[in-house]
Amino acid sequence: RDLEGDTFDAATDLALDYVPTKRVFYDHRRDGEVTAPIGQVLETKRDEVGLWVEAQLDRSRKYVDAVLELVQRGALGWSSGSIPHMVDRAGGTLKAWPVVEFSLTPTPAEPRTLGVRRLKALLAEHPSLQALVPEAAMSEMVAADAGNVGTQVSTIDVSHIEGASTMTEEIKAQDAPQVDVAAIARQAAEEAVKAYRAQLEAEPPAVKGAALTNPATPKAQPETFKSLGDELQAVARWSMNGTTDRRLDALKATGLGEDINSQAGFLVQTDFAGGLLQNMHESGAILSRVRRIPISAGSNGLKLNAVDESSRANGSRWGGVTAYWAAEAGTATASKPKFRQMNLELNKLLAFCYATDELLADSTALESVISQAFAEEMTYKVEDAVIRGTGAGQPLGILNNSSVYVSVAKETGQDADTFTYDNAVKMWSRMWAPSRRNAVWFINQDVEPQLYSMTLAAGTAGVPVYMPAGGISGAPYGTLFGRPVIAIEQADTVGDLGDVMLLDLSQYLMIDKGGLQAASSLHVMFLYAEQVFRFIYRTDGQPAWNSSLTPANSSNTLSPFVLLDARA
């Protein structure tokens, strides 16, 4: 089983006559520059060992010398190419693989084909074959820079030779003994295969990165990634050189061109996406408290019917429902509730993260950095939208919906940029009573000095409101009226509207859709050897209320969202 999770067997339909004249390419034409064929297949033959391929490279073609230099380094492997919609797989075994081309590639699906060698090097490893090649013919091979032979030692064994026919003609012209170079290459490859298989039986090697350590005991490639870092590495490999990974197939996003590496889009694996979203909604002081409603894959928004109620006076409760105390045979006026419709439509939030080549090489570090960077940035932006979002292409924030929140005026003669005990008392009194058990104080961190010095007058002295009895030697209580006080970056600077907020965020609705979508590109930061990962999160939100509420027996409006007016 190779890196794609595929296995060839004797029954695989290769449809060798489907393309009568097969070309040899470099890396399946995935390289943007080398797209023209670099040679031609002369013969393909199937026997009891596997598939034998004899091919000849064209030295007049551009880039062929560069390809031969990679061969000399042992950097290329041998690979066959088919047409995706013609391929038939069953449980990882290929039932049909119509071969349309062959390639020399640095990233073969079967890593053990790496190290394609020249014929002379193969013969040097098998001295018994050298007797078949007269010295004059061997010198001609060296002079002609002849023959490449590659061996694949799983279910397909291949050899290919460059310059075989011209070399034979040159030998004839010099009255040298005629040599069947193709036959010698075939024998050399057969011996190499036998030797390798004997080595496998004695000590099965572990192939780095492959899903197989011993062909006799195939192990299925996992259908899911082990970690987010593992998945992002696979996306990076796809983006950089087109290396495919079957585990990405189930995560391909629609609407993106798979043949354009820089646009190859994938959804983050479900459990990783869920983990990232969970991290956002659990770690965020604001997101952890909103009422989150996931929507189905087929929806792009949510419409909710809500009660249109702005007053608790008689005749206004539930938007118009009225009950009467009636005497016997008395009558009453009919009434009915009033409803409004809330419309939430998904907006798109983008986040980008750069990863260096060094970071990409370490999946654990990659996962840690990407997870933290993505979660923190996306959390900040979404939480900021909950507080101050415009509602245009983003959630509608509380500060941009003046009809829904209650603002408490500053005290007469109150100094600028201060927060007093009287401010806190009046804010608490304007919080809608059912929301008090969920309410949280959100402040700008610059407000904290006001809290530490806040006191309740008692005769000629004062009692600390926020500090413990032991003073600053102990930790602050961290609460006002029993509700937590949390410093957040999204709060306005001290003295402005929004620097102190008392909010019940269970009355704020937020929708999001499914998983996170991830894509990568190496082109944006190519000069800096960095890969760019892009994440997309689709969400929307708005307060569940459309206005503050007038109590039945009071003129002071109430709301689950209470703010302190500016104190300039």
Protein backbone atom coordinates (compact mmCIF):
# COMPACT_ATOMS: atom_id res chain seq x y z
CA ARG A 1 0.00 0.00 0.00
CA ASP A 2 1.57 3.29 -1.11
CA LEU A 3 1.32 6.84 0.23
CA GLU A 4 -2.01 7.25 -1.58
CA GLY A 5 -3.34 4.17 0.25
CA ASP A 6 -3.58 2.25 -3.05
CA THR A 7 -2.54 -1.31 -3.83
CA PHE A 8 -1.97 -2.78 -7.30
CA ASP A 9 -2.46 -6.51 -7.75
CA ALA A 10 -2.36 -9.04 -10.57
CA ALA A 11 -6.01 -8.35 -11.42
CA THR A 12 -5.66 -4.58 -11.76
CA ASP A 13 -6.90 -3.52 -15.20
CA LEU A 14 -4.11 -1.31 -16.57
CA ALA A 15 -5.77 -0.82 -20.00
CA LEU A 16 -2.38 -0.62 -21.66
CA ASP A 17 -3.96 -0.19 -25.10
CA TYR A 18 -6.07 2.79 -23.97
CA VAL A 19 -3.28 5.20 -24.97
CA PRO A 20 -1.17 3.43 -27.61
CA THR A 21 1.71 5.93 -27.55
CA LYS A 22 2.56 6.89 -24.00
CA ARG A 23 4.82 9.80 -23.15
CA VAL A 24 7.30 10.20 -20.32
CA PHE A 25 6.89 13.38 -18.28
CA TYR A 26 8.65 15.06 -15.40
CA ASP A 27 6.56 14.89 -12.19
CA HIS A 28 3.25 14.28 -13.99
CA ARG A 29 3.39 17.82 -15.48
CA ARG A 30 2.82 19.30 -12.01
CA ASP A 31 5.90 21.48 -12.36
CA GLY A 32 4.79 24.80 -13.84
CA GLU A 33 7.76 24.97 -16.24
CA VAL A 34 8.38 21.38 -17.34
CA THR A 35 5.06 20.45 -18.92
CA ALA A 36 6.22 19.05 -22.27
CA PRO A 37 7.09 15.33 -22.53
CA ILE A 38 10.77 14.48 -22.03
CA GLY A 39 10.65 11.09 -23.69
CA GLN A 40 8.51 8.30 -25.10
CA VAL A 41 7.58 4.79 -24.01
CA LEU A 42 8.84 2.22 -26.52
CA GLU A 43 7.26 -0.88 -25.03
CA THR A 44 5.07 -1.96 -22.13
CA LYS A 45 4.74 -5.63 -21.29
CA ARG A 46 3.03 -7.42 -18.44
CA ASP A 47 4.39 -10.71 -17.11
CA GLU A 48 4.36 -12.78 -13.93
CA VAL A 49 6.72 -10.34 -12.19
CA GLY A 50 4.83 -7.15 -12.97
CA LEU A 51 4.78 -4.42 -15.59
CA TRP A 52 7.97 -3.83 -17.61
CA VAL A 53 8.36 -0.49 -19.31
CA GLU A 54 11.04 0.41 -21.83
CA ALA A 55 11.33 4.12 -22.50
CA GLN A 56 13.76 6.47 -24.16
CA LEU A 57 14.47 10.04 -23.12
CA ASP A 58 15.01 12.66 -25.84
CA ARG A 59 18.29 14.47 -25.19
CA SER A 60 17.23 17.23 -27.61
CA ARG A 61 14.36 18.18 -25.31
CA LYS A 62 14.70 21.11 -22.97
CA TYR A 63 15.31 20.18 -19.31
CA VAL A 64 16.29 16.55 -20.06
CA ASP A 65 19.90 17.17 -19.03
CA ALA A 66 18.61 18.62 -15.76
CA VAL A 67 16.42 15.55 -15.26
CA LEU A 68 19.45 13.28 -15.87
CA GLU A 69 21.38 15.24 -13.26
CA LEU A 70 18.59 14.45 -10.74
CA VAL A 71 18.83 10.81 -11.79
CA GLN A 72 22.57 10.93 -11.05
CA ARG A 73 21.76 12.19 -7.55
CA GLY A 74 19.24 9.42 -7.00
CA ALA A 75 16.51 12.02 -6.45
CA LEU A 76 13.87 10.67 -8.86
CA GLY A 77 11.45 7.79 -8.74
CA TRP A 78 9.22 6.10 -11.31
CA SER A 79 5.48 6.58 -11.41
CA SER A 80 2.51 5.89 -13.66
CA GLY A 81 -0.37 8.29 -14.27
CA SER A 82 -4.04 7.66 -14.94
CA ILE A 83 -7.30 9.63 -15.33
CA PRO A 84 -9.14 10.15 -12.02
CA HIS A 85 -12.64 9.45 -13.30
CA MET A 86 -11.46 6.23 -14.97
CA VAL A 87 -9.89 4.86 -11.78
CA ASP A 88 -11.84 2.20 -9.88
CA ARG A 89 -10.94 1.56 -6.23
CA ALA A 90 -12.35 -1.02 -3.86
CA GLY A 91 -11.13 -1.05 -0.28
CA GLY A 92 -7.80 0.47 -1.25
CA THR A 93 -7.16 -2.05 -4.03
CA LEU A 94 -7.09 -0.66 -7.56
CA LYS A 95 -9.51 -2.58 -9.77
CA ALA A 96 -8.86 -0.28 -12.75
CA TRP A 97 -5.93 2.06 -13.40
CA PRO A 98 -5.80 2.93 -17.14
CA VAL A 99 -2.18 3.98 -17.67
CA VAL A 100 -1.95 7.09 -19.84
CA GLU A 101 1.59 8.30 -19.02
CA PHE A 102 4.73 7.58 -17.02
CA SER A 103 6.80 10.07 -15.08
CA LEU A 104 10.13 10.55 -13.42
CA THR A 105 9.20 12.30 -10.19
CA PRO A 106 10.83 13.37 -6.90
CA THR A 107 7.57 12.50 -5.07
CA PRO A 108 6.44 9.04 -6.18
CA ALA A 109 3.42 7.53 -4.43
CA GLU A 110 5.64 4.52 -3.70
CA PRO A 111 8.77 5.98 -2.01
CA ARG A 112 10.80 2.83 -2.66
CA THR A 113 11.01 3.71 -6.35
CA LEU A 114 13.27 6.65 -5.45
CA GLY A 115 16.82 6.29 -6.68
CA VAL A 116 16.44 5.56 -10.39
CA ARG A 117 19.92 4.54 -11.54
CA ARG A 118 21.90 4.49 -14.78
CA LEU A 119 22.46 1.10 -16.39
CA LYS A 120 26.22 1.18 -15.77
CA ALA A 121 25.65 1.71 -12.03
CA LEU A 122 23.21 -1.21 -11.89
CA LEU A 123 25.63 -3.47 -13.70
CA ALA A 124 28.35 -2.52 -11.25
CA GLU A 125 26.14 -3.87 -8.46
CA HIS A 126 25.72 -7.21 -10.30
CA PRO A 127 29.14 -8.35 -11.56
CA SER A 128 27.68 -11.58 -12.96
CA LEU A 129 25.99 -9.52 -15.68
CA GLN A 130 29.13 -7.68 -16.73
CA ALA A 131 30.27 -10.74 -18.68
CA LEU A 132 27.34 -10.15 -21.02
CA VAL A 133 28.62 -6.72 -21.95
CA PRO A 134 31.89 -6.57 -23.96
CA GLU A 135 34.35 -3.92 -22.78
CA ALA A 136 33.93 -1.94 -25.99
CA ALA A 137 30.16 -1.82 -25.53
CA MET A 138 30.53 -0.74 -21.90
CA SER A 139 32.82 2.12 -22.89
CA GLU A 140 30.29 3.17 -25.52
CA MET A 141 27.56 3.18 -22.87
CA VAL A 142 29.61 5.45 -20.67
CA ALA A 143 30.48 7.73 -23.59
CA ALA A 144 26.85 7.93 -24.72
CA ASP A 145 25.71 8.64 -21.16
CA ALA A 146 23.34 5.76 -21.64
CA GLY A 147 20.36 4.10 -20.08
CA ASN A 148 18.41 4.75 -16.95
CA VAL A 149 16.97 1.76 -15.15
CA GLY A 150 14.51 2.11 -12.30
CA THR A 151 13.07 -0.69 -10.23
CA GLN A 152 9.86 -0.69 -8.27
CA VAL A 153 9.70 -3.62 -5.97
CA SER A 154 6.13 -3.91 -4.78
CA THR A 155 3.59 -5.05 -7.37
CA ILE A 156 5.03 -3.19 -10.36
CA ASP A 157 8.64 -3.56 -11.45
CA VAL A 158 9.82 -1.16 -14.15
CA SER A 159 12.93 -0.42 -16.15
CA HIS A 160 13.46 2.29 -18.69
CA ILE A 161 16.45 2.98 -20.91
CA GLU A 162 17.52 6.17 -22.60
CA GLY A 163 19.55 6.04 -25.80
CA ALA A 164 19.40 2.26 -26.24
CA SER A 165 18.73 2.21 -30.00
CA THR A 166 21.29 4.89 -30.92
CA MET A 167 23.88 3.24 -28.71
CA THR A 168 23.41 -0.10 -30.49
CA GLU A 169 23.89 1.57 -33.86
CA GLU A 170 27.09 3.25 -32.67
CA ILE A 171 28.47 -0.07 -31.44
CA LYS A 172 27.69 -1.71 -34.79
CA ALA A 173 29.44 1.11 -36.65
CA GLN A 174 32.64 0.41 -34.69
CA ASP A 175 32.50 -3.33 -35.45
CA ALA A 176 31.96 -3.97 -31.77
CA PRO A 177 29.97 -7.03 -30.71
CA GLN A 178 26.25 -6.34 -30.91
CA VAL A 179 24.65 -6.09 -27.47
CA ASP A 180 20.96 -6.37 -26.56
CA VAL A 181 21.05 -3.52 -24.07
CA ALA A 182 17.34 -3.87 -23.22
CA ALA A 183 17.79 -7.55 -22.36
CA ILE A 184 20.77 -6.79 -20.13
CA ALA A 185 18.82 -4.03 -18.36
CA ARG A 186 15.94 -6.41 -17.82
CA GLN A 187 18.19 -9.06 -16.31
CA ALA A 188 19.89 -6.50 -14.08
CA ALA A 189 16.52 -5.23 -12.88
CA GLU A 190 15.29 -8.79 -12.22
CA GLU A 191 18.35 -9.52 -10.08
CA ALA A 192 17.86 -6.26 -8.20
CA VAL A 193 14.23 -7.17 -7.55
CA LYS A 194 15.14 -10.64 -6.28
CA ALA A 195 17.84 -9.23 -4.01
CA TYR A 196 15.48 -6.61 -2.60
CA ARG A 197 12.71 -9.13 -1.97
CA ALA A 198 15.17 -11.40 -0.16
CA GLN A 199 16.16 -8.42 1.97
CA LEU A 200 12.48 -7.71 2.70
CA GLU A 201 11.93 -11.26 3.93
CA ALA A 202 15.01 -11.10 6.16
CA GLU A 203 14.39 -7.63 7.58
CA PRO A 204 11.29 -5.68 6.49
CA PRO A 205 12.36 -2.03 6.25
CA ALA A 206 10.29 0.85 7.58
CA VAL A 207 9.62 3.25 4.72
CA LYS A 208 9.56 6.79 6.07
CA GLY A 209 6.21 8.43 5.44
CA ALA A 210 4.68 5.37 3.84
CA ALA A 211 1.69 3.48 5.18
CA LEU A 212 3.45 0.13 4.72
CA THR A 213 6.43 -1.48 6.37
CA ASN A 214 6.03 -4.97 4.94
CA PRO A 215 4.15 -5.81 1.72
CA ALA A 216 3.19 -9.17 3.21
CA THR A 217 1.20 -7.46 5.97
CA PRO A 218 -0.45 -4.40 4.41
CA LYS A 219 -1.69 -1.78 6.80
CA ALA A 220 -4.43 0.55 5.69
CA GLN A 221 -3.60 4.23 5.70
CA PRO A 222 -5.61 6.06 8.37
CA GLU A 223 -8.65 7.79 6.95
CA THR A 224 -8.20 10.76 9.27
CA PHE A 225 -5.28 12.91 10.33
CA LYS A 226 -3.64 12.36 13.70
CA SER A 227 -3.48 16.07 14.50
CA LEU A 228 -4.17 19.50 13.05
CA GLY A 229 -0.45 19.88 12.43
CA ASP A 230 -0.43 16.61 10.45
CA GLU A 231 -3.30 17.88 8.28
CA LEU A 232 -1.71 21.30 7.70
CA GLN A 233 1.52 19.61 6.61
CA ALA A 234 -0.47 17.62 4.03
CA VAL A 235 -2.11 20.83 2.78
CA ALA A 236 1.33 22.43 2.54
CA ARG A 237 2.73 19.49 0.56
CA TRP A 238 -0.23 19.75 -1.83
CA SER A 239 0.33 23.48 -2.26
CA MET A 240 4.10 23.25 -2.72
CA ASN A 241 4.51 20.34 -5.11
CA GLY A 242 1.13 18.72 -5.71
CA THR A 243 1.82 15.75 -3.44
CA THR A 244 -1.58 14.21 -2.83
CA ASP A 245 -2.91 12.60 0.32
CA ARG A 246 -6.06 10.51 0.20
CA ARG A 247 -7.07 11.79 3.61
CA LEU A 248 -7.58 15.22 2.03
CA ASP A 249 -10.14 13.88 -0.46
CA ALA A 250 -12.97 13.96 2.08
CA LEU A 251 -12.02 17.52 3.08
CA LYS A 252 -11.96 19.17 -0.35
CA ALA A 253 -13.96 22.37 -0.44
CA THR A 254 -16.22 23.02 -3.42
CA GLY A 255 -15.72 25.95 -5.76
CA LEU A 256 -11.91 25.88 -5.79
CA GLY A 257 -9.72 24.67 -8.63
CA GLU A 258 -7.91 21.51 -7.62
CA ASP A 259 -5.44 21.93 -10.48
CA ILE A 260 -4.26 25.30 -9.11
CA ASN A 261 -2.18 24.48 -6.08
CA SER A 262 -2.31 27.95 -4.58
CA GLN A 263 -6.11 27.76 -4.61
CA ALA A 264 -6.48 24.22 -3.28
CA GLY A 265 -9.00 24.52 -0.50
CA PHE A 266 -9.78 22.03 2.23
CA LEU A 267 -12.13 22.02 5.17
CA VAL A 268 -10.43 21.49 8.49
CA GLN A 269 -11.12 17.92 9.65
CA THR A 270 -14.35 17.92 11.64
CA ASP A 271 -12.88 17.06 15.02
CA PHE A 272 -10.09 19.63 14.62
CA ALA A 273 -12.58 22.30 13.49
CA GLY A 274 -14.77 21.47 16.46
CA GLY A 275 -11.78 21.70 18.76
CA LEU A 276 -10.76 25.10 17.44
CA LEU A 277 -14.29 26.46 17.72
CA GLN A 278 -14.62 24.97 21.18
CA ASN A 279 -11.38 26.68 22.14
CA MET A 280 -12.76 29.99 20.85
CA HIS A 281 -16.11 29.68 22.60
CA GLU A 282 -14.69 28.33 25.86
CA SER A 283 -11.63 30.54 26.24
CA GLY A 284 -13.30 33.78 25.15
CA ALA A 285 -14.76 35.78 28.04
CA ILE A 286 -17.53 36.99 25.72
CA LEU A 287 -18.03 34.05 23.35
CA SER A 288 -18.30 31.62 26.24
CA ARG A 289 -21.43 33.47 27.38
CA VAL A 290 -23.39 34.16 24.18
CA ARG A 291 -26.22 31.91 23.07
CA ARG A 292 -24.66 30.01 20.17
CA ILE A 293 -26.88 28.30 17.57
CA PRO A 294 -25.07 26.10 14.98
CA ILE A 295 -26.97 25.91 11.68
CA SER A 296 -27.11 23.07 9.16
CA ALA A 297 -24.84 22.66 6.16
CA GLY A 298 -27.62 23.55 3.72
CA SER A 299 -28.43 26.92 5.33
CA ASN A 300 -26.82 30.33 5.06
CA GLY A 301 -28.85 32.04 7.74
CA LEU A 302 -31.55 31.74 10.37
CA LYS A 303 -34.90 33.45 10.80
CA LEU A 304 -36.47 33.49 14.26
CA ASN A 305 -39.86 34.67 15.41
CA ALA A 306 -39.54 36.72 18.60
CA VAL A 307 -42.01 38.51 20.83
CA ASP A 308 -42.19 42.22 20.05
CA GLU A 309 -42.40 43.57 23.60
CA SER A 310 -41.08 46.94 24.78
CA SER A 311 -43.29 47.55 27.83
CA ARG A 312 -44.73 45.59 30.73
CA ALA A 313 -47.68 47.97 31.18
CA ASN A 314 -51.23 46.62 30.82
CA GLY A 315 -52.02 46.00 27.19
CA SER A 316 -48.34 45.81 26.19
CA ARG A 317 -47.15 42.55 27.70
CA TRP A 318 -46.27 40.04 24.96
CA GLY A 319 -46.79 42.92 22.54
CA GLY A 320 -50.51 43.29 23.26
CA VAL A 321 -51.93 40.46 25.37
CA THR A 322 -54.33 41.67 28.07
CA ALA A 323 -56.12 39.71 30.78
CA TYR A 324 -59.22 41.01 32.67
CA TRP A 325 -60.87 40.45 36.01
CA ALA A 326 -64.47 40.10 34.99
CA ALA A 327 -67.74 39.82 36.89
CA GLU A 328 -70.28 37.15 36.07
CA ALA A 329 -71.49 37.60 32.49
CA GLY A 330 -68.96 40.39 32.03
CA THR A 331 -67.17 40.95 28.72
CA ALA A 332 -63.56 41.57 27.75
CA THR A 333 -61.75 42.95 24.73
CA ALA A 334 -59.90 40.38 22.65
CA SER A 335 -56.12 40.74 22.47
CA LYS A 336 -53.25 38.96 20.80
CA PRO A 337 -49.48 38.79 21.06
CA LYS A 338 -47.26 40.70 18.66
CA PHE A 339 -44.29 39.06 17.00
CA ARG A 340 -41.29 40.25 15.06
CA GLN A 341 -38.80 38.37 12.92
CA MET A 342 -35.08 38.21 13.59
CA ASN A 343 -32.93 37.58 10.55
CA LEU A 344 -29.37 36.30 10.96
CA GLU A 345 -27.26 35.82 7.82
CA LEU A 346 -23.78 34.34 7.79
CA ASN A 347 -20.84 36.70 7.40
CA LYS A 348 -17.31 35.60 6.55
CA LEU A 349 -14.37 36.22 8.85
CA LEU A 350 -10.87 35.58 7.45
CA ALA A 351 -7.70 34.89 9.40
CA PHE A 352 -4.18 34.42 8.00
CA CYS A 353 -1.20 32.77 9.61
CA TYR A 354 2.35 32.46 8.25
CA ALA A 355 4.40 29.32 8.86
CA THR A 356 8.12 29.11 8.14
CA ASP A 357 9.64 26.07 6.45
CA GLU A 358 11.23 25.14 9.78
CA LEU A 359 7.85 25.26 11.53
CA LEU A 360 6.22 23.19 8.77
CA ALA A 361 8.74 20.43 9.40
CA ASP A 362 7.47 19.95 12.97
CA SER A 363 3.80 18.97 13.09
CA THR A 364 3.54 19.33 16.88
CA ALA A 365 4.93 22.87 16.92
CA LEU A 366 2.90 23.72 13.83
CA GLU A 367 -0.33 22.63 15.49
CA SER A 368 0.46 24.54 18.66
CA VAL A 369 1.33 27.78 16.88
CA ILE A 370 -1.50 27.66 14.33
CA SER A 371 -4.11 26.67 16.90
CA GLN A 372 -3.11 29.42 19.30
CA ALA A 373 -2.65 32.13 16.67
CA PHE A 374 -5.89 31.31 14.86
CA ALA A 375 -8.03 30.86 17.97
CA GLU A 376 -6.77 34.05 19.64
CA GLU A 377 -7.15 36.27 16.58
CA MET A 378 -10.55 34.95 15.53
CA THR A 379 -11.79 35.09 19.11
CA TYR A 380 -10.74 38.73 19.41
CA LYS A 381 -12.46 39.76 16.17
CA VAL A 382 -15.72 37.94 16.89
CA GLU A 383 -15.88 39.22 20.47
CA ASP A 384 -15.15 42.75 19.28
CA ALA A 385 -18.07 42.41 16.84
CA VAL A 386 -20.38 41.33 19.69
CA ILE A 387 -19.56 44.59 21.49
CA ARG A 388 -19.20 47.07 18.63
CA GLY A 389 -20.04 45.29 15.35
CA THR A 390 -21.76 47.43 12.71
CA GLY A 391 -24.16 44.75 11.47
CA ALA A 392 -22.95 45.36 7.89
CA GLY A 393 -20.98 42.28 6.82
CA GLN A 394 -20.42 41.41 10.49
CA PRO A 395 -22.51 40.77 13.63
CA LEU A 396 -24.49 43.66 15.13
CA GLY A 397 -22.79 44.79 18.31
CA ILE A 398 -24.46 45.97 21.50
CA LEU A 399 -22.87 49.44 21.36
CA ASN A 400 -24.28 49.99 17.85
CA ASN A 401 -27.84 49.22 18.92
CA SER A 402 -28.81 52.11 21.19
CA SER A 403 -32.45 51.05 21.37
CA VAL A 404 -31.57 47.79 23.09
CA TYR A 405 -29.21 48.91 25.84
CA VAL A 406 -29.78 51.14 28.87
CA SER A 407 -27.24 53.87 29.63
CA VAL A 408 -26.78 55.17 33.16
CA ALA A 409 -25.93 58.85 33.48
CA LYS A 410 -22.91 60.00 35.44
CA GLU A 411 -23.38 61.54 38.88
CA THR A 412 -23.71 65.31 39.26
CA GLY A 413 -20.25 66.77 39.56
CA GLN A 414 -18.57 63.43 38.94
CA ASP A 415 -14.92 63.74 37.95
CA ALA A 416 -13.86 62.71 34.46
CA ASP A 417 -12.57 59.17 33.93
CA THR A 418 -13.92 57.82 37.21
CA PHE A 419 -16.17 54.95 38.23
CA THR A 420 -17.96 55.27 41.54
CA TYR A 421 -20.00 53.15 43.90
CA ASP A 422 -23.15 55.13 42.96
CA ASN A 423 -22.49 54.31 39.26
CA ALA A 424 -22.36 50.59 40.07
CA VAL A 425 -25.53 50.69 42.20
CA LYS A 426 -27.54 52.47 39.50
CA MET A 427 -26.28 50.16 36.76
CA TRP A 428 -27.29 47.13 38.85
CA SER A 429 -30.76 48.62 39.42
CA ARG A 430 -31.30 48.94 35.65
CA MET A 431 -30.40 45.31 34.91
CA TRP A 432 -33.52 43.32 34.00
CA ALA A 433 -34.10 41.17 37.11
CA PRO A 434 -34.25 37.74 35.37
CA SER A 435 -30.86 38.52 33.78
CA ARG A 436 -29.06 39.31 37.03
CA ARG A 437 -28.07 35.69 37.63
CA ASN A 438 -26.23 35.62 34.27
CA ALA A 439 -24.91 39.18 34.18
CA VAL A 440 -21.16 39.91 34.10
CA TRP A 441 -19.29 43.19 34.55
CA PHE A 442 -16.97 43.85 31.59
CA ILE A 443 -14.48 46.68 32.05
CA ASN A 444 -11.48 48.25 30.40
CA GLN A 445 -8.39 47.40 32.43
CA ASP A 446 -7.80 51.14 33.01
CA VAL A 447 -10.94 51.14 35.19
CA GLU A 448 -9.32 48.86 37.79
CA PRO A 449 -7.65 51.68 39.80
CA GLN A 450 -11.15 53.11 40.34
CA LEU A 451 -12.35 49.74 41.66
CA TYR A 452 -9.46 49.34 44.10
CA SER A 453 -10.18 52.74 45.68
CA MET A 454 -14.00 52.47 45.56
CA THR A 455 -15.63 52.83 49.00
CA LEU A 456 -19.07 52.96 50.56
CA ALA A 457 -19.47 55.91 52.88
CA ALA A 458 -20.10 54.90 56.50
CA GLY A 459 -20.15 57.87 58.88
CA THR A 460 -16.89 59.73 58.62
CA ALA A 461 -15.06 56.72 57.17
CA GLY A 462 -15.56 54.40 54.26
CA VAL A 463 -15.81 50.67 53.65
CA PRO A 464 -13.83 49.16 50.73
CA VAL A 465 -16.21 47.82 48.10
CA TYR A 466 -13.89 45.80 45.89
CA MET A 467 -10.91 44.97 48.12
CA PRO A 468 -10.94 42.26 50.80
CA ALA A 469 -10.83 43.01 54.50
CA GLY A 470 -7.06 42.44 54.58
CA GLY A 471 -6.47 45.16 51.99
CA ILE A 472 -4.05 44.76 49.12
CA SER A 473 -2.27 41.87 50.86
CA GLY A 474 -5.11 39.66 49.61
CA ALA A 475 -6.58 39.14 46.18
CA PRO A 476 -9.49 41.40 45.16
CA TYR A 477 -12.92 39.89 45.48
CA GLY A 478 -13.31 40.25 41.71
CA THR A 479 -17.07 40.73 41.98
CA LEU A 480 -19.66 43.47 42.32
CA PHE A 481 -23.07 42.48 43.68
CA GLY A 482 -21.89 38.88 43.43
CA ARG A 483 -21.24 39.02 39.68
CA PRO A 484 -17.75 38.62 38.13
CA VAL A 485 -15.72 41.64 37.03
CA ILE A 486 -13.72 40.81 33.89
CA ALA A 487 -11.25 43.07 32.10
CA ILE A 488 -11.47 42.76 28.30
CA GLU A 489 -9.63 44.43 25.46
CA GLN A 490 -12.87 45.17 23.63
CA ALA A 491 -14.10 47.63 26.29
CA ASP A 492 -13.60 51.35 25.57
CA THR A 493 -11.01 53.42 27.34
CA VAL A 494 -11.88 54.72 30.81
CA GLY A 495 -14.34 57.62 30.77
CA ASP A 496 -15.99 56.67 27.45
CA LEU A 497 -19.31 54.92 26.86
CA GLY A 498 -18.52 51.21 26.97
CA ASP A 499 -15.69 51.28 29.50
CA VAL A 500 -17.97 49.67 32.11
CA MET A 501 -20.70 47.29 30.91
CA LEU A 502 -23.06 45.01 32.81
CA LEU A 503 -24.20 42.41 30.27
CA ASP A 504 -26.28 39.23 30.20
CA LEU A 505 -24.87 37.70 27.02
CA SER A 506 -27.31 34.80 27.08
CA GLN A 507 -29.62 37.41 25.53
CA TYR A 508 -27.24 37.77 22.56
CA LEU A 509 -27.80 35.23 19.75
CA MET A 510 -24.99 34.00 17.52
CA ILE A 511 -25.09 31.52 14.65
CA ASP A 512 -22.22 29.77 12.92
CA LYS A 513 -21.97 27.17 10.22
CA GLY A 514 -20.18 23.86 10.47
CA GLY A 515 -16.45 23.55 10.13
CA LEU A 516 -13.70 25.99 9.45
CA GLN A 517 -12.42 26.23 5.91
CA ALA A 518 -8.66 26.23 5.43
CA ALA A 519 -6.56 26.95 2.37
CA SER A 520 -2.84 27.51 1.86
CA SER A 521 -0.45 29.19 -0.54
CA LEU A 522 3.31 29.29 -0.77
CA HIS A 523 3.34 32.16 -3.27
CA VAL A 524 2.37 35.04 -0.97
CA MET A 525 5.55 34.82 1.12
CA PHE A 526 7.72 32.80 -1.27
CA LEU A 527 10.78 35.05 -0.89
CA TYR A 528 10.71 34.55 2.87
CA ALA A 529 10.35 30.73 2.71
CA GLU A 530 7.00 30.90 4.47
CA GLN A 531 3.71 29.15 3.85
CA VAL A 532 0.44 31.02 4.38
CA PHE A 533 -2.59 29.32 5.92
CA ARG A 534 -5.97 30.98 5.62
CA PHE A 535 -8.96 30.16 7.82
CA ILE A 536 -12.57 31.17 7.20
CA TYR A 537 -15.24 31.27 9.91
CA ARG A 538 -18.84 32.07 8.97
CA THR A 539 -20.96 33.60 11.71
CA ASP A 540 -23.50 36.27 12.58
CA GLY A 541 -25.08 37.61 15.73
CA GLN A 542 -27.34 40.26 17.26
CA PRO A 543 -29.12 40.98 20.55
CA ALA A 544 -32.26 38.91 21.08
CA TRP A 545 -34.00 42.11 22.24
CA ASN A 546 -34.97 44.90 19.86
CA SER A 547 -35.50 47.54 22.56
CA SER A 548 -35.17 48.13 26.26
CA LEU A 549 -38.14 47.34 28.46
CA THR A 550 -40.37 49.73 30.39
CA PRO A 551 -41.55 48.11 33.67
CA ALA A 552 -45.20 48.02 34.58
CA ASN A 553 -44.83 50.41 37.52
CA SER A 554 -41.69 52.39 36.79
CA SER A 555 -40.42 54.90 34.27
CA ASN A 556 -36.83 53.59 34.40
CA THR A 557 -36.24 51.28 31.45
CA LEU A 558 -34.57 47.91 32.01
CA SER A 559 -32.38 45.76 29.78
CA PRO A 560 -30.00 42.79 29.87
CA PHE A 561 -27.42 45.24 28.51
CA VAL A 562 -26.51 48.15 30.82
CA LEU A 563 -23.76 50.70 30.06
CA LEU A 564 -22.31 53.67 31.92
CA ASP A 565 -22.45 57.01 30.09
CA ALA A 566 -19.29 58.87 29.16
CA ARG A 567 -17.62 60.84 31.98
CA ALA A 568 -15.49 63.32 30.08
